[in-house]
Amino acid sequence: MRFTTRVLLLQLITVVAVVGVSTGVFILLAVGQLKSETETSALSIARTVAAAPVVRSEVSLETSRQINPSAGELAAGPLQAYALDTTARTDALFVVITDGEGIRMAHPDPGQLDREVSTSFEEALRGEEVIAWERGTLGDSVRAKVPVFAPDSRQSVGEVSVGFARAGVFDELPRLLLGVGAAAALALLIGTGATLVLRHRWEQLTLGVQPEELVTLVQNQAAVLDGVGDGVIALDRAGIIRVSNTAAEEMFGLAHLEGMSLPELDLPEDVIASLSKGEERDGIVVGDRVLYLDSRQVDRAGQRLGSVIIVRDRTDMMGLSERLDSVRAMTSALRVQRHEFANRMHVAAGLVEAGRGTEAAEFLRTMRDRGPVDYPLAGVDLLAEPFLQSFLGAKSMEAAERGVQLQIRDESLVLGDVRGVEGTEDIATVLGNLVDNAVTAALEGPEPRLVEVTLLDDGPELVLVVADSGPGITPGSLGTVSTAGEAVPDRVHGHGIGLALSRDLLRRRGGDLWVIDPGGGESGRGAVFGARLPGVMLPGDDLREVNGSPRLKAGDF
């Protein structure tokens, strides 16, 4: 049996029991009230008759006489007339008057005159008032017996008995019972209707799920929400978050998501619009994380309950993707270097085999001074560090293919060497993102399209400055990467994903990435980004002057 059915039956039984008990109590009170009213009426009438002067004088006279009058004399006497008149006016069953010996002096049935009453009269003769339910010559009745006192005396000389038929006492009971029954039926009807309405509302609110099933649902919800690595956010039809798990709170960097709306999560308006339509969005930058959001509508029995958003953290995957791109760039640069170096070795070998030793020596000296590869990288001779030279050389080739000139500024000075694999990966990720975004921005700017890179090292720390000739960062295209209120644009400088990952990577290592100059506006300059990478360099000679010119150090920047 369904829980709602059991509740319905229990409520109906409760209503029936309450109505039944109330009806029974009401009937008992009504019967008691009718009996009390009848007894009170009989006693009042008896007192009135007993106090009448004619009754007191006639009864006192008869009690003092030695010979009782005959039934005929009594029937024609004043007491009989008075008693019959009182009986007719009060609708009583009888009004009986007796003398001190219990002989009837007045009775509705003249045949009973001059006879002793059939019920006890001793209490009245002792001066007591009695109310009793007894059977007499006229049948069952409730009767009141009061003493009759002699005139100007408290001596009891007779009694007056006034009675009402038992059946007449409850003449009003059927009408009362009918009213009580109607009230009880109405109460049952109202209780049943209220129970049915409550049952319907219950099932509407719980979608027909029973309490036993609700316990299972809560257990399953806790297991699902806390047992998966993805974030889960459940919204009601008004777009308010009602349920979320710990993973979602960690991804959004908030302690409690319940009661918040999507705009309060700092999501862009276009993302909120997509989620409202049940669409998925990837590459959403929220704080230091790159998130994938998938919205799904929730319906049950044709009724829309809201939506559920699945949140996946793509930061690590995007980071790996960025590192893979950097590795590919390095691989491409090394491949170009190997190919170019092999070609030059063939040239040198050919000159030696041809006996042209002087030309071969000159060719090798040129290779030593210029490097193994001719990159379209202006200022490449300012970089002696092999990895940085080859990496920026490869980037310069990619930029040249897109019509952008990559240049190393004269202020650059790198004396140390890149530290191992981890150092190369971090530099490739951060520097690669900054250069790629700057090239994209330069394509939006005027000719000549230029990207300038400044590199300075100070012990184990490397500082990068990347400037472009693009339109700068406009307020309408601001994203979310900054350290001092500035932001990374979405429209010009990529999607901001790589920059967010770079900043997250640097901050975890004690470094940072920031906007030095947003550019744009009346300045006519492009944006300038800065980055500080700690622990990526092996310190070299502490030279402060190159070719007679003073050089800046990282601490001077």
Protein backbone atom coordinates (compact mmCIF):
# COMPACT_ATOMS: atom_id res chain seq x y z
CA MET A 1 0.00 0.00 0.00
CA ARG A 2 1.37 3.44 -0.94
CA PHE A 3 2.36 5.76 1.87
CA THR A 4 -0.09 8.46 0.78
CA THR A 5 -2.91 5.89 0.85
CA ARG A 6 -1.93 4.84 4.35
CA VAL A 7 -1.86 8.47 5.42
CA LEU A 8 -5.28 9.00 3.82
CA LEU A 9 -6.78 6.03 5.67
CA LEU A 10 -5.15 7.05 8.94
CA GLN A 11 -6.53 10.57 8.62
CA LEU A 12 -9.99 9.26 7.74
CA ILE A 13 -9.95 6.91 10.74
CA THR A 14 -8.81 9.78 12.95
CA VAL A 15 -11.57 12.04 11.67
CA VAL A 16 -14.20 9.33 12.13
CA ALA A 17 -12.97 8.59 15.64
CA VAL A 18 -12.93 12.26 16.64
CA VAL A 19 -16.35 12.88 15.13
CA GLY A 20 -17.75 9.71 16.73
CA VAL A 21 -16.42 10.54 20.18
CA SER A 22 -17.59 14.13 19.88
CA THR A 23 -21.05 12.99 18.76
CA GLY A 24 -21.32 10.52 21.62
CA VAL A 25 -20.27 13.09 24.19
CA PHE A 26 -22.68 15.63 22.70
CA ILE A 27 -25.55 13.13 22.84
CA LEU A 28 -24.78 12.26 26.46
CA LEU A 29 -24.66 15.93 27.36
CA ALA A 30 -27.90 16.57 25.47
CA VAL A 31 -29.72 13.68 27.21
CA GLY A 32 -28.41 14.81 30.58
CA GLN A 33 -29.50 18.36 29.85
CA LEU A 34 -33.02 17.23 28.87
CA LYS A 35 -33.31 15.15 32.02
CA SER A 36 -32.03 18.01 34.15
CA GLU A 37 -34.41 20.50 32.56
CA THR A 38 -37.37 18.15 33.04
CA GLU A 39 -36.46 17.45 36.67
CA THR A 40 -36.03 21.16 37.30
CA SER A 41 -39.42 21.91 35.68
CA ALA A 42 -41.16 19.22 37.74
CA LEU A 43 -39.58 20.49 40.96
CA SER A 44 -40.51 24.11 40.21
CA ILE A 45 -44.11 23.21 39.45
CA ALA A 46 -44.38 21.08 42.57
CA ARG A 47 -42.98 23.87 44.75
CA THR A 48 -45.42 26.34 43.21
CA VAL A 49 -48.40 24.06 43.80
CA ALA A 50 -47.29 23.19 47.34
CA ALA A 51 -46.92 26.88 48.19
CA ALA A 52 -50.40 27.82 46.92
CA PRO A 53 -52.60 28.98 49.87
CA VAL A 54 -55.55 26.88 48.77
CA VAL A 55 -53.41 23.75 48.70
CA ARG A 56 -51.87 24.42 52.10
CA SER A 57 -55.21 25.18 53.74
CA GLU A 58 -57.16 22.29 52.17
CA VAL A 59 -54.44 19.71 52.82
CA SER A 60 -53.98 20.92 56.41
CA LEU A 61 -57.76 20.78 56.98
CA GLU A 62 -58.05 17.30 55.51
CA THR A 63 -55.10 15.97 57.49
CA SER A 64 -56.63 17.28 60.76
CA ARG A 65 -60.04 15.64 60.09
CA GLN A 66 -60.69 12.13 61.38
CA ILE A 67 -62.89 11.07 58.43
CA ASN A 68 -61.49 11.18 54.86
CA PRO A 69 -63.82 12.63 52.19
CA SER A 70 -65.10 10.35 49.48
CA ALA A 71 -63.71 10.19 45.97
CA GLY A 72 -66.74 12.08 44.70
CA GLU A 73 -66.26 14.89 47.17
CA LEU A 74 -62.58 15.10 46.30
CA ALA A 75 -63.29 15.13 42.56
CA ALA A 76 -65.58 18.11 43.06
CA GLY A 77 -63.23 19.81 45.52
CA PRO A 78 -60.98 22.81 44.89
CA LEU A 79 -57.74 20.77 44.96
CA GLN A 80 -58.78 18.55 42.06
CA ALA A 81 -59.73 21.55 39.95
CA TYR A 82 -56.50 23.36 40.82
CA ALA A 83 -54.40 20.27 40.04
CA LEU A 84 -56.12 19.60 36.70
CA ASP A 85 -55.69 23.24 35.70
CA THR A 86 -51.99 23.16 36.55
CA THR A 87 -51.54 19.91 34.64
CA ALA A 88 -53.16 21.37 31.55
CA ARG A 89 -51.10 24.58 31.67
CA THR A 90 -47.70 22.88 32.24
CA ASP A 91 -48.16 19.84 29.97
CA ALA A 92 -47.22 17.68 32.91
CA LEU A 93 -48.24 14.02 33.03
CA PHE A 94 -49.83 14.48 36.43
CA VAL A 95 -50.13 16.74 39.45
CA VAL A 96 -50.98 14.70 42.54
CA ILE A 97 -51.80 16.13 45.99
CA THR A 98 -51.94 13.88 49.08
CA ASP A 99 -52.69 14.38 52.75
CA GLY A 100 -50.45 13.39 55.64
CA GLU A 101 -51.34 9.71 55.22
CA GLY A 102 -50.53 9.52 51.49
CA ILE A 103 -54.17 9.54 50.43
CA ARG A 104 -54.71 11.17 47.02
CA MET A 105 -56.73 14.36 47.22
CA ALA A 106 -56.08 15.33 43.55
CA HIS A 107 -55.19 13.08 40.60
CA PRO A 108 -55.68 13.18 36.79
CA ASP A 109 -57.65 9.94 37.06
CA PRO A 110 -60.64 10.52 39.35
CA GLY A 111 -60.78 6.77 39.97
CA GLN A 112 -57.54 6.99 41.88
CA LEU A 113 -58.85 9.56 44.40
CA ASP A 114 -59.25 8.59 48.02
CA ARG A 115 -56.51 5.96 47.56
CA GLU A 116 -52.96 5.77 48.86
CA VAL A 117 -50.26 6.68 46.38
CA SER A 118 -48.25 3.83 44.81
CA THR A 119 -44.83 5.30 45.52
CA SER A 120 -43.06 6.36 48.69
CA PHE A 121 -44.14 9.63 50.34
CA GLU A 122 -42.30 9.40 53.67
CA GLU A 123 -39.40 11.73 52.57
CA ALA A 124 -41.86 14.50 51.68
CA LEU A 125 -43.68 14.13 54.99
CA ARG A 126 -40.31 14.57 56.69
CA GLY A 127 -40.00 17.91 54.90
CA GLU A 128 -37.60 16.71 52.18
CA GLU A 129 -37.80 17.34 48.44
CA VAL A 130 -37.32 14.28 46.24
CA ILE A 131 -36.73 13.83 42.50
CA ALA A 132 -37.04 10.28 41.22
CA TRP A 133 -37.62 8.23 38.07
CA GLU A 134 -40.37 5.79 39.05
CA ARG A 135 -43.26 3.76 37.68
CA GLY A 136 -46.71 4.68 38.96
CA THR A 137 -50.31 4.23 37.92
CA LEU A 138 -49.70 6.41 34.85
CA GLY A 139 -46.51 4.65 33.79
CA ASP A 140 -42.79 5.55 33.89
CA SER A 141 -42.13 9.16 34.68
CA VAL A 142 -39.74 11.58 36.29
CA ARG A 143 -41.42 13.09 39.31
CA ALA A 144 -40.68 15.72 41.90
CA LYS A 145 -42.14 15.33 45.43
CA VAL A 146 -42.22 18.31 47.77
CA PRO A 147 -43.87 18.69 51.22
CA VAL A 148 -46.99 20.73 51.84
CA PHE A 149 -46.73 22.81 55.01
CA ALA A 150 -49.60 23.92 57.14
CA PRO A 151 -50.45 27.63 56.91
CA ASP A 152 -48.16 29.80 59.00
CA SER A 153 -46.16 26.70 59.97
CA ARG A 154 -43.23 24.51 58.92
CA GLN A 155 -45.16 21.33 59.78
CA SER A 156 -45.50 18.93 56.85
CA VAL A 157 -49.13 17.94 56.40
CA GLY A 158 -48.99 16.36 52.90
CA GLU A 159 -47.12 16.23 49.62
CA VAL A 160 -47.35 17.43 46.04
CA SER A 161 -46.02 15.14 43.30
CA VAL A 162 -45.58 16.48 39.76
CA GLY A 163 -44.44 14.13 37.00
CA PHE A 164 -43.56 14.13 33.32
CA ALA A 165 -43.70 11.01 31.14
CA ARG A 166 -40.34 9.42 30.39
CA ALA A 167 -41.12 9.41 26.67
CA GLY A 168 -42.01 13.09 26.77
CA VAL A 169 -38.71 13.94 28.34
CA PHE A 170 -36.86 12.94 25.12
CA ASP A 171 -39.27 14.45 22.62
CA GLU A 172 -36.51 16.89 21.53
CA LEU A 173 -33.87 14.15 21.29
CA PRO A 174 -34.60 13.09 17.66
CA ARG A 175 -34.20 16.68 16.46
CA LEU A 176 -30.96 17.01 18.39
CA LEU A 177 -29.70 13.72 17.02
CA LEU A 178 -30.56 14.83 13.50
CA GLY A 179 -28.56 18.03 13.97
CA VAL A 180 -25.66 16.15 15.50
CA GLY A 181 -25.72 13.62 12.67
CA ALA A 182 -25.72 16.36 10.04
CA ALA A 183 -22.81 18.10 11.76
CA ALA A 184 -20.91 14.81 12.01
CA ALA A 185 -21.52 14.03 8.32
CA LEU A 186 -20.35 17.53 7.36
CA ALA A 187 -17.23 17.13 9.51
CA LEU A 188 -16.47 13.79 7.86
CA LEU A 189 -16.98 15.32 4.43
CA ILE A 190 -14.67 18.24 5.20
CA GLY A 191 -12.06 15.93 6.73
CA THR A 192 -12.17 13.60 3.74
CA GLY A 193 -11.90 16.51 1.30
CA ALA A 194 -8.98 18.03 3.21
CA THR A 195 -7.24 14.64 3.29
CA LEU A 196 -7.66 14.18 -0.46
CA VAL A 197 -6.36 17.70 -1.15
CA LEU A 198 -3.39 17.08 1.15
CA ARG A 199 -2.66 13.77 -0.57
CA HIS A 200 -2.77 15.38 -4.01
CA ARG A 201 -0.52 18.24 -2.89
CA TRP A 202 1.89 15.80 -1.27
CA GLU A 203 2.23 13.73 -4.41
CA GLN A 204 2.57 16.90 -6.51
CA LEU A 205 5.41 18.21 -4.34
CA THR A 206 7.21 14.85 -4.14
CA LEU A 207 6.44 13.94 -7.78
CA GLY A 208 4.79 10.77 -6.60
CA VAL A 209 7.91 9.61 -4.75
CA GLN A 210 7.14 7.86 -1.48
CA PRO A 211 9.05 8.55 1.79
CA GLU A 212 10.83 5.21 1.56
CA GLU A 213 11.96 6.16 -1.93
CA LEU A 214 12.98 9.62 -0.72
CA VAL A 215 15.43 8.03 1.73
CA THR A 216 16.93 6.03 -1.12
CA LEU A 217 17.09 9.14 -3.30
CA VAL A 218 18.96 11.07 -0.61
CA GLN A 219 21.42 8.21 -0.19
CA ASN A 220 21.93 7.93 -3.94
CA GLN A 221 22.30 11.70 -4.27
CA ALA A 222 24.98 11.82 -1.59
CA ALA A 223 26.79 8.88 -3.19
CA VAL A 224 26.62 10.38 -6.68
CA LEU A 225 27.52 13.95 -5.74
CA ASP A 226 30.43 13.02 -3.51
CA GLY A 227 31.54 9.98 -5.47
CA VAL A 228 32.40 11.63 -8.77
CA GLY A 229 35.28 13.91 -9.68
CA ASP A 230 33.11 16.19 -11.81
CA GLY A 231 31.28 19.14 -10.36
CA VAL A 232 27.49 18.92 -10.25
CA ILE A 233 25.18 21.92 -9.88
CA ALA A 234 21.39 21.57 -9.79
CA LEU A 235 19.23 24.62 -10.48
CA ASP A 236 15.50 25.07 -10.00
CA ARG A 237 13.18 26.59 -12.60
CA ALA A 238 14.08 30.10 -11.39
CA GLY A 239 17.79 29.48 -12.05
CA ILE A 240 18.75 29.33 -8.37
CA ILE A 241 21.31 26.73 -7.30
CA ARG A 242 19.72 24.22 -4.93
CA VAL A 243 22.27 21.41 -4.87
CA SER A 244 26.02 21.32 -5.49
CA ASN A 245 28.86 19.05 -4.58
CA THR A 246 32.28 19.78 -3.14
CA ALA A 247 34.01 19.44 -6.51
CA ALA A 248 31.89 22.23 -8.02
CA GLU A 249 32.55 24.52 -5.06
CA GLU A 250 36.31 23.94 -5.40
CA MET A 251 36.26 24.64 -9.12
CA PHE A 252 34.44 27.95 -8.68
CA GLY A 253 36.45 28.83 -5.57
CA LEU A 254 33.35 29.40 -3.42
CA ALA A 255 32.43 27.85 -0.10
CA HIS A 256 28.66 27.54 -0.61
CA LEU A 257 26.89 27.66 -3.96
CA GLU A 258 23.37 26.95 -2.69
CA GLY A 259 21.09 29.96 -3.09
CA MET A 260 23.30 31.64 -5.72
CA SER A 261 22.46 32.24 -9.38
CA LEU A 262 24.67 31.75 -12.45
CA PRO A 263 25.53 35.47 -12.80
CA GLU A 264 26.89 35.38 -9.25
CA LEU A 265 29.44 32.76 -10.39
CA ASP A 266 31.12 35.39 -12.61
CA LEU A 267 30.18 33.56 -15.79
CA PRO A 268 29.96 35.58 -19.03
CA GLU A 269 26.49 36.44 -20.28
CA ASP A 270 26.86 34.40 -23.48
CA VAL A 271 27.84 31.36 -21.40
CA ILE A 272 24.78 31.82 -19.17
CA ALA A 273 22.57 32.09 -22.27
CA SER A 274 24.03 28.87 -23.68
CA LEU A 275 23.54 27.01 -20.41
CA SER A 276 19.93 28.24 -20.21
CA LYS A 277 19.33 26.64 -23.63
CA GLY A 278 20.82 23.34 -22.48
CA GLU A 279 23.99 23.75 -24.54
CA GLU A 280 27.55 22.86 -23.57
CA ARG A 281 30.47 25.29 -23.41
CA ASP A 282 34.15 24.49 -23.27
CA GLY A 283 37.18 26.57 -22.42
CA ILE A 284 35.45 28.85 -19.90
CA VAL A 285 38.03 30.64 -17.76
CA VAL A 286 36.91 31.02 -14.14
CA GLY A 287 39.59 32.31 -11.82
CA ASP A 288 42.66 30.12 -12.28
CA ARG A 289 40.77 27.29 -13.93
CA VAL A 290 39.56 26.38 -17.39
CA LEU A 291 36.17 24.68 -17.15
CA TYR A 292 33.91 22.63 -19.37
CA LEU A 293 30.20 23.20 -18.65
CA ASP A 294 27.40 20.94 -19.88
CA SER A 295 23.81 21.87 -19.09
CA ARG A 296 20.95 19.38 -19.21
CA GLN A 297 17.27 20.02 -18.61
CA VAL A 298 15.53 17.85 -16.01
CA ASP A 299 11.92 16.80 -16.62
CA ARG A 300 9.68 14.33 -14.83
CA ALA A 301 6.21 13.30 -15.91
CA GLY A 302 6.10 16.20 -18.36
CA GLN A 303 6.95 18.74 -15.67
CA ARG A 304 10.16 20.76 -15.90
CA LEU A 305 12.06 20.68 -12.63
CA GLY A 306 15.08 22.76 -13.58
CA SER A 307 18.50 21.88 -14.96
CA VAL A 308 21.74 20.19 -13.98
CA ILE A 309 25.15 21.53 -14.97
CA ILE A 310 28.12 19.17 -15.16
CA VAL A 311 31.39 20.97 -14.48
CA ARG A 312 34.72 19.46 -15.52
CA ASP A 313 38.11 20.97 -14.78
CA ARG A 314 40.06 21.15 -18.05
CA THR A 315 42.96 23.11 -16.57
CA ASP A 316 45.37 20.17 -16.43
CA MET A 317 44.36 18.97 -19.87
CA MET A 318 44.78 22.44 -21.34
CA GLY A 319 48.10 22.74 -19.56
CA LEU A 320 49.25 19.49 -21.11
CA SER A 321 48.01 20.71 -24.48
CA GLU A 322 49.98 23.93 -24.10
CA ARG A 323 53.07 21.98 -23.13
CA LEU A 324 52.56 19.68 -26.10
CA ASP A 325 52.35 22.68 -28.42
CA SER A 326 55.57 23.98 -26.90
CA VAL A 327 57.26 20.63 -27.40
CA ARG A 328 56.05 20.60 -30.99
CA ALA A 329 57.46 24.09 -31.50
CA MET A 330 60.79 23.02 -30.02
CA THR A 331 60.78 19.87 -32.12
CA SER A 332 60.07 21.93 -35.23
CA ALA A 333 62.88 24.32 -34.35
CA LEU A 334 65.32 21.47 -33.79
CA ARG A 335 64.25 19.83 -37.01
CA VAL A 336 64.88 23.05 -38.89
CA GLN A 337 68.23 23.43 -37.16
CA ARG A 338 69.24 19.86 -37.97
CA HIS A 339 68.21 20.20 -41.59
CA GLU A 340 69.96 23.56 -42.03
CA PHE A 341 73.05 22.39 -40.17
CA ALA A 342 73.25 19.26 -42.33
CA ASN A 343 73.04 21.38 -45.45
CA ARG A 344 75.85 23.63 -44.25
CA MET A 345 77.97 20.66 -43.29
CA HIS A 346 77.53 19.37 -46.84
CA VAL A 347 78.71 22.74 -48.14
CA ALA A 348 81.71 22.76 -45.84
CA ALA A 349 82.56 19.15 -46.75
CA GLY A 350 82.26 20.00 -50.44
CA LEU A 351 84.65 22.93 -50.11
CA VAL A 352 87.19 20.76 -48.27
CA GLU A 353 86.94 17.95 -50.82
CA ALA A 354 87.37 20.49 -53.62
CA GLY A 355 90.59 21.67 -52.01
CA ARG A 356 89.20 25.08 -51.22
CA GLY A 357 90.34 25.07 -47.59
CA THR A 358 90.49 28.83 -47.18
CA GLU A 359 86.86 29.21 -48.27
CA ALA A 360 85.82 26.28 -46.05
CA ALA A 361 87.50 27.88 -43.01
CA GLU A 362 85.83 31.20 -43.71
CA PHE A 363 82.46 29.46 -44.10
CA LEU A 364 82.86 27.67 -40.76
CA ARG A 365 83.84 30.92 -39.01
CA THR A 366 80.70 32.54 -40.40
CA MET A 367 78.64 29.64 -39.09
CA ARG A 368 80.23 30.08 -35.69
CA ASP A 369 79.37 33.78 -35.53
CA ARG A 370 75.89 33.66 -37.08
CA GLY A 371 74.71 30.36 -35.67
CA PRO A 372 73.67 27.20 -37.44
CA VAL A 373 70.36 28.58 -38.74
CA ASP A 374 69.28 31.89 -40.26
CA TYR A 375 66.10 32.80 -38.35
CA PRO A 376 63.91 35.79 -39.32
CA LEU A 377 64.43 36.93 -35.72
CA ALA A 378 65.74 40.44 -35.36
CA GLY A 379 68.35 40.70 -32.60
CA VAL A 380 68.97 36.97 -32.47
CA ASP A 381 72.64 37.69 -31.79
CA LEU A 382 71.62 39.15 -28.41
CA LEU A 383 70.72 35.65 -27.23
CA ALA A 384 73.49 33.15 -26.60
CA GLU A 385 71.33 30.69 -24.65
CA PRO A 386 70.66 27.79 -27.11
CA PHE A 387 67.12 26.92 -26.07
CA LEU A 388 65.83 30.50 -26.02
CA GLN A 389 67.52 31.20 -29.36
CA SER A 390 66.09 28.14 -31.05
CA PHE A 391 62.64 28.51 -29.49
CA LEU A 392 62.25 32.17 -30.40
CA GLY A 393 63.75 31.41 -33.80
CA ALA A 394 61.03 28.85 -34.45
CA LYS A 395 58.40 31.32 -33.25
CA SER A 396 59.85 33.96 -35.55
CA MET A 397 59.41 31.61 -38.51
CA GLU A 398 55.75 31.06 -37.58
CA ALA A 399 55.24 34.80 -37.10
CA ALA A 400 56.95 35.58 -40.43
CA GLU A 401 54.57 33.22 -42.22
CA ARG A 402 51.71 35.33 -40.82
CA GLY A 403 53.35 38.62 -41.75
CA VAL A 404 54.60 39.61 -38.30
CA GLN A 405 58.19 40.48 -37.43
CA LEU A 406 59.49 39.06 -34.15
CA GLN A 407 62.29 41.10 -32.57
CA ILE A 408 64.48 40.81 -29.46
CA ARG A 409 65.01 44.20 -27.88
CA ASP A 410 68.48 45.52 -27.20
CA GLU A 411 67.83 45.62 -23.45
CA SER A 412 67.70 41.84 -23.36
CA LEU A 413 70.44 40.05 -21.43
CA VAL A 414 70.49 36.36 -20.55
CA LEU A 415 73.72 35.18 -18.98
CA GLY A 416 72.63 31.82 -17.59
CA ASP A 417 71.33 28.63 -19.14
CA VAL A 418 67.85 27.18 -18.99
CA ARG A 419 67.52 24.67 -16.15
CA GLY A 420 66.69 21.14 -17.38
CA VAL A 421 63.46 19.83 -18.85
CA GLU A 422 61.15 21.50 -16.34
CA GLY A 423 62.67 24.91 -17.04
CA THR A 424 62.32 24.50 -20.80
CA GLU A 425 58.69 23.41 -20.45
CA ASP A 426 57.75 26.35 -18.22
CA ILE A 427 59.50 28.88 -20.47
CA ALA A 428 57.99 27.34 -23.61
CA THR A 429 54.50 27.42 -22.08
CA VAL A 430 54.63 31.00 -20.82
CA LEU A 431 56.76 32.60 -23.53
CA GLY A 432 54.96 30.66 -26.25
CA ASN A 433 51.56 31.91 -25.06
CA LEU A 434 52.69 35.50 -24.77
CA VAL A 435 54.31 35.49 -28.22
CA ASP A 436 51.37 33.68 -29.90
CA ASN A 437 48.85 36.11 -28.39
CA ALA A 438 51.04 39.09 -29.33
CA VAL A 439 51.30 37.88 -32.94
CA THR A 440 47.51 37.51 -33.07
CA ALA A 441 47.11 41.03 -31.68
CA ALA A 442 49.70 42.48 -34.10
CA LEU A 443 47.66 41.15 -37.03
CA GLU A 444 44.84 43.44 -35.90
CA GLY A 445 47.10 46.49 -35.81
CA PRO A 446 48.63 48.74 -38.47
CA GLU A 447 51.76 48.11 -40.52
CA PRO A 448 54.49 47.31 -39.71
CA ARG A 449 53.27 44.41 -37.62
CA LEU A 450 55.82 43.88 -34.88
CA VAL A 451 56.25 41.84 -31.69
CA GLU A 452 59.08 42.77 -29.35
CA VAL A 453 60.48 40.46 -26.66
CA THR A 454 62.75 41.45 -23.78
CA LEU A 455 64.46 38.74 -21.71
CA LEU A 456 66.41 39.36 -18.50
CA ASP A 457 67.75 36.86 -16.02
CA ASP A 458 68.86 37.38 -12.46
CA GLY A 459 70.22 34.25 -10.89
CA PRO A 460 67.60 31.50 -11.21
CA GLU A 461 64.87 33.94 -12.25
CA LEU A 462 63.87 34.91 -15.79
CA VAL A 463 61.77 37.98 -16.58
CA LEU A 464 59.91 38.28 -19.89
CA VAL A 465 58.36 41.36 -21.45
CA VAL A 466 56.30 40.94 -24.64
CA ALA A 467 54.90 43.96 -26.51
CA ASP A 468 52.89 44.03 -29.73
CA SER A 469 51.84 46.65 -32.26
CA GLY A 470 48.18 45.70 -32.07
CA PRO A 471 45.20 47.83 -31.02
CA GLY A 472 45.74 47.16 -27.33
CA ILE A 473 43.31 45.85 -24.75
CA THR A 474 39.91 47.46 -25.11
CA PRO A 475 37.51 47.59 -22.13
CA GLY A 476 34.87 45.70 -24.06
CA SER A 477 37.13 42.70 -24.58
CA LEU A 478 38.43 42.18 -21.07
CA GLY A 479 38.79 38.69 -19.74
CA THR A 480 39.88 37.47 -16.36
CA VAL A 481 43.70 37.26 -16.12
CA SER A 482 45.29 40.04 -14.09
CA THR A 483 47.17 40.84 -10.95
CA ALA A 484 46.38 44.49 -10.44
CA GLY A 485 42.95 45.03 -11.90
CA GLU A 486 44.02 44.63 -15.53
CA ALA A 487 42.71 41.76 -17.61
CA VAL A 488 43.54 39.64 -20.59
CA PRO A 489 41.32 40.29 -23.61
CA ASP A 490 39.32 37.60 -25.31
CA ARG A 491 38.79 39.20 -28.73
CA VAL A 492 42.33 40.22 -29.67
CA HIS A 493 44.70 38.33 -27.39
CA GLY A 494 43.29 34.86 -27.97
CA HIS A 495 40.73 33.31 -25.63
CA GLY A 496 42.65 33.95 -22.44
CA ILE A 497 42.95 30.21 -21.72
CA GLY A 498 46.67 29.85 -22.23
CA LEU A 499 47.34 33.03 -20.29
CA ALA A 500 45.21 31.83 -17.38
CA LEU A 501 47.11 28.55 -17.36
CA SER A 502 50.42 30.40 -17.57
CA ARG A 503 49.50 32.63 -14.66
CA ASP A 504 48.34 29.64 -12.63
CA LEU A 505 51.58 27.81 -13.43
CA LEU A 506 53.71 30.79 -12.46
CA ARG A 507 51.86 31.54 -9.25
CA ARG A 508 52.22 27.96 -8.10
CA ARG A 509 55.99 28.37 -8.52
CA GLY A 510 56.11 31.78 -6.86
CA GLY A 511 56.05 33.76 -10.11
CA ASP A 512 53.41 35.85 -11.81
CA LEU A 513 51.99 37.14 -15.10
CA TRP A 514 50.52 40.62 -15.45
CA VAL A 515 49.60 43.43 -17.82
CA ILE A 516 52.22 46.18 -17.83
CA ASP A 517 50.43 48.47 -20.29
CA PRO A 518 47.02 47.73 -21.85
CA GLY A 519 47.81 50.14 -24.71
CA GLY A 520 45.09 51.16 -27.12
CA GLY A 521 43.13 54.37 -26.97
CA GLU A 522 44.92 57.60 -27.80
CA SER A 523 48.33 56.13 -27.05
CA GLY A 524 48.35 54.19 -30.30
CA ARG A 525 50.44 51.49 -28.65
CA GLY A 526 49.76 47.81 -28.35
CA ALA A 527 49.54 45.84 -25.13
CA VAL A 528 52.60 44.99 -23.04
CA PHE A 529 52.66 41.85 -20.87
CA GLY A 530 55.18 40.87 -18.25
CA ALA A 531 56.01 37.53 -16.65
CA ARG A 532 58.38 36.44 -13.91
CA LEU A 533 59.57 32.81 -13.97
CA PRO A 534 61.48 31.73 -10.85
CA GLY A 535 63.81 28.76 -10.74
CA VAL A 536 64.10 28.18 -14.49
CA MET A 537 67.69 29.38 -15.02
CA LEU A 538 71.13 28.19 -14.06
CA PRO A 539 73.08 31.37 -13.20
CA GLY A 540 75.98 32.29 -15.53
CA ASP A 541 78.70 34.93 -15.33
CA ASP A 542 77.55 38.13 -13.66
CA LEU A 543 78.35 40.46 -16.56
CA ARG A 544 76.82 43.95 -16.54
CA GLU A 545 78.43 45.24 -19.76
CA VAL A 546 78.41 43.73 -23.22
CA ASN A 547 80.46 45.18 -26.07
CA GLY A 548 81.10 48.23 -23.96
CA SER A 549 77.40 48.97 -23.45
CA PRO A 550 75.76 48.78 -20.00
CA ARG A 551 73.05 46.11 -19.68
CA LEU A 552 70.07 45.97 -17.36
CA LYS A 553 69.57 43.17 -14.91
CA ALA A 554 66.24 41.61 -13.92
CA GLY A 555 66.24 43.48 -10.63
CA ASP A 556 66.40 46.79 -12.49
CA PHE A 557 63.19 46.10 -14.41
